[in-house]
Amino acid sequence: MNDIQGSHNAILENRRKLMLTGVTDVESFNEEQINLYTQLGELTIKGNQLHINEMSVDSGDLSVEGDISALIYGDRDRRNRLTTLGKLFR
């Protein structure tokens, strides 16, 4: 069994509102795609009219609204630390 450190949860409501926990960094975002890192690896959110409502650097919580069409998980080993872009959402 893998020794997983940290935690991450995703709650998607009606494909319009996504609440995430365990977010460590937002690498890039626009209205069609958000690339971020969680404590368990990479995550790409795809859709239309995507908007980051809230991000708490301290708790790692992130709220996204828009027409969400896909959540794509990537490499579990890539867990970037918080960068300047992520710090903008304090």
C-alpha atoms as a PDB file:
ATOM      1  CA  MET A   1       0.000   0.000   0.000  1.00  0.00           C
ATOM      2  CA  ASN A   2       1.280   3.496  -0.879  1.00  0.00           C
ATOM      3  CA  ASP A   3       2.252   5.889   1.881  1.00  0.00           C
ATOM      4  CA  ILE A   4       0.237   8.968   0.901  1.00  0.00           C
ATOM      5  CA  GLN A   5       1.052  12.179   2.709  1.00  0.00           C
ATOM      6  CA  GLY A   6      -1.430  15.027   2.766  1.00  0.00           C
ATOM      7  CA  SER A   7      -4.996  14.957   1.577  1.00  0.00           C
ATOM      8  CA  HIS A   8      -7.134  16.271  -1.252  1.00  0.00           C
ATOM      9  CA  ASN A   9     -10.878  16.331  -1.817  1.00  0.00           C
ATOM     10  CA  ALA A  10     -13.019  17.519  -4.724  1.00  0.00           C
ATOM     11  CA  ILE A  11     -16.750  18.260  -4.498  1.00  0.00           C
ATOM     12  CA  LEU A  12     -18.495  19.074  -7.773  1.00  0.00           C
ATOM     13  CA  GLU A  13     -22.029  20.475  -7.590  1.00  0.00           C
ATOM     14  CA  ASN A  14     -24.155  20.320 -10.758  1.00  0.00           C
ATOM     15  CA  ARG A  15     -21.032  20.693 -12.952  1.00  0.00           C
ATOM     16  CA  ARG A  16     -21.102  24.426 -12.073  1.00  0.00           C
ATOM     17  CA  LYS A  17     -19.321  24.742  -8.721  1.00  0.00           C
ATOM     18  CA  LEU A  18     -16.156  22.899  -7.660  1.00  0.00           C
ATOM     19  CA  MET A  19     -14.731  22.999  -4.158  1.00  0.00           C
ATOM     20  CA  LEU A  20     -11.215  21.627  -3.646  1.00  0.00           C
ATOM     21  CA  THR A  21      -9.091  21.010  -0.581  1.00  0.00           C
ATOM     22  CA  GLY A  22      -5.371  20.261  -0.410  1.00  0.00           C
ATOM     23  CA  VAL A  23      -4.403  22.760  -3.138  1.00  0.00           C
ATOM     24  CA  THR A  24      -0.743  23.777  -2.919  1.00  0.00           C
ATOM     25  CA  ASP A  25      -0.344  25.961  -6.029  1.00  0.00           C
ATOM     26  CA  VAL A  26      -2.174  27.380  -9.032  1.00  0.00           C
ATOM     27  CA  GLU A  27       0.197  27.189 -11.987  1.00  0.00           C
ATOM     28  CA  SER A  28      -2.000  28.907 -14.603  1.00  0.00           C
ATOM     29  CA  PHE A  29      -5.614  29.710 -15.321  1.00  0.00           C
ATOM     30  CA  ASN A  30      -7.920  31.173 -17.919  1.00  0.00           C
ATOM     31  CA  GLU A  31     -11.628  30.846 -18.738  1.00  0.00           C
ATOM     32  CA  GLU A  32     -11.137  27.405 -20.314  1.00  0.00           C
ATOM     33  CA  GLN A  33      -8.481  25.679 -18.181  1.00  0.00           C
ATOM     34  CA  ILE A  34      -6.989  25.813 -14.687  1.00  0.00           C
ATOM     35  CA  ASN A  35      -3.732  23.971 -13.959  1.00  0.00           C
ATOM     36  CA  LEU A  36      -2.955  23.423 -10.309  1.00  0.00           C
ATOM     37  CA  TYR A  37      -1.190  21.180  -7.833  1.00  0.00           C
ATOM     38  CA  THR A  38      -2.669  19.403  -4.851  1.00  0.00           C
ATOM     39  CA  GLN A  39      -1.008  17.563  -2.015  1.00  0.00           C
ATOM     40  CA  LEU A  40      -1.557  14.408  -4.079  1.00  0.00           C
ATOM     41  CA  GLY A  41      -0.299  15.693  -7.437  1.00  0.00           C
ATOM     42  CA  GLU A  42      -1.321  17.574 -10.569  1.00  0.00           C
ATOM     43  CA  LEU A  43      -4.910  18.517 -11.448  1.00  0.00           C
ATOM     44  CA  THR A  44      -6.258  20.169 -14.610  1.00  0.00           C
ATOM     45  CA  ILE A  45      -9.788  21.573 -14.655  1.00  0.00           C
ATOM     46  CA  LYS A  46     -11.346  22.128 -18.092  1.00  0.00           C
ATOM     47  CA  GLY A  47     -14.530  23.930 -19.037  1.00  0.00           C
ATOM     48  CA  ASN A  48     -15.952  27.269 -20.140  1.00  0.00           C
ATOM     49  CA  GLN A  49     -16.245  30.575 -18.295  1.00  0.00           C
ATOM     50  CA  LEU A  50     -14.145  29.201 -15.419  1.00  0.00           C
ATOM     51  CA  HIS A  51     -13.579  31.599 -12.555  1.00  0.00           C
ATOM     52  CA  ILE A  52     -11.610  31.138  -9.330  1.00  0.00           C
ATOM     53  CA  ASN A  53     -13.814  32.564  -6.580  1.00  0.00           C
ATOM     54  CA  GLU A  54     -11.679  31.924  -3.537  1.00  0.00           C
ATOM     55  CA  MET A  55      -8.319  30.471  -2.640  1.00  0.00           C
ATOM     56  CA  SER A  56      -6.921  30.169   0.836  1.00  0.00           C
ATOM     57  CA  VAL A  57      -3.177  29.627   0.894  1.00  0.00           C
ATOM     58  CA  ASP A  58      -3.288  28.762   4.591  1.00  0.00           C
ATOM     59  CA  SER A  59      -5.946  26.047   4.345  1.00  0.00           C
ATOM     60  CA  GLY A  60      -5.421  24.963   0.703  1.00  0.00           C
ATOM     61  CA  ASP A  61      -9.108  25.442  -0.133  1.00  0.00           C
ATOM     62  CA  LEU A  62     -10.103  26.590  -3.633  1.00  0.00           C
ATOM     63  CA  SER A  63     -13.502  27.373  -5.136  1.00  0.00           C
ATOM     64  CA  VAL A  64     -14.143  27.416  -8.901  1.00  0.00           C
ATOM     65  CA  GLU A  65     -17.330  28.286 -10.782  1.00  0.00           C
ATOM     66  CA  GLY A  66     -18.209  27.892 -14.453  1.00  0.00           C
ATOM     67  CA  ASP A  67     -19.245  25.192 -16.895  1.00  0.00           C
ATOM     68  CA  ILE A  68     -16.917  22.410 -15.709  1.00  0.00           C
ATOM     69  CA  SER A  69     -16.420  19.634 -18.260  1.00  0.00           C
ATOM     70  CA  ALA A  70     -13.389  17.683 -16.966  1.00  0.00           C
ATOM     71  CA  LEU A  71     -11.138  17.051 -13.972  1.00  0.00           C
ATOM     72  CA  ILE A  72      -7.890  15.470 -15.154  1.00  0.00           C
ATOM     73  CA  TYR A  73      -5.425  14.133 -12.616  1.00  0.00           C
ATOM     74  CA  GLY A  74      -1.776  13.899 -13.580  1.00  0.00           C
ATOM     75  CA  ASP A  75       1.465  12.785 -11.999  1.00  0.00           C
ATOM     76  CA  ARG A  76       1.182  12.051  -8.271  1.00  0.00           C
ATOM     77  CA  ASP A  77       4.867  12.864  -7.800  1.00  0.00           C
ATOM     78  CA  ARG A  78       4.559  16.494  -8.945  1.00  0.00           C
ATOM     79  CA  ARG A  79       3.582  18.600  -5.957  1.00  0.00           C
ATOM     80  CA  ASN A  80       4.957  22.080  -6.522  1.00  0.00           C
ATOM     81  CA  ARG A  81       5.300  24.440  -3.628  1.00  0.00           C
ATOM     82  CA  LEU A  82       3.387  27.697  -3.563  1.00  0.00           C
ATOM     83  CA  THR A  83       4.669  30.190  -6.149  1.00  0.00           C
ATOM     84  CA  THR A  84       4.089  33.898  -6.591  1.00  0.00           C
ATOM     85  CA  LEU A  85       0.910  33.280  -8.620  1.00  0.00           C
ATOM     86  CA  GLY A  86      -0.543  31.186  -5.815  1.00  0.00           C
ATOM     87  CA  LYS A  87       0.367  33.822  -3.253  1.00  0.00           C
ATOM     88  CA  LEU A  88      -1.761  36.385  -5.102  1.00  0.00           C
ATOM     89  CA  PHE A  89      -4.884  34.622  -3.786  1.00  0.00           C
ATOM     90  CA  ARG A  90      -4.149  35.061  -0.090  1.00  0.00           C
END
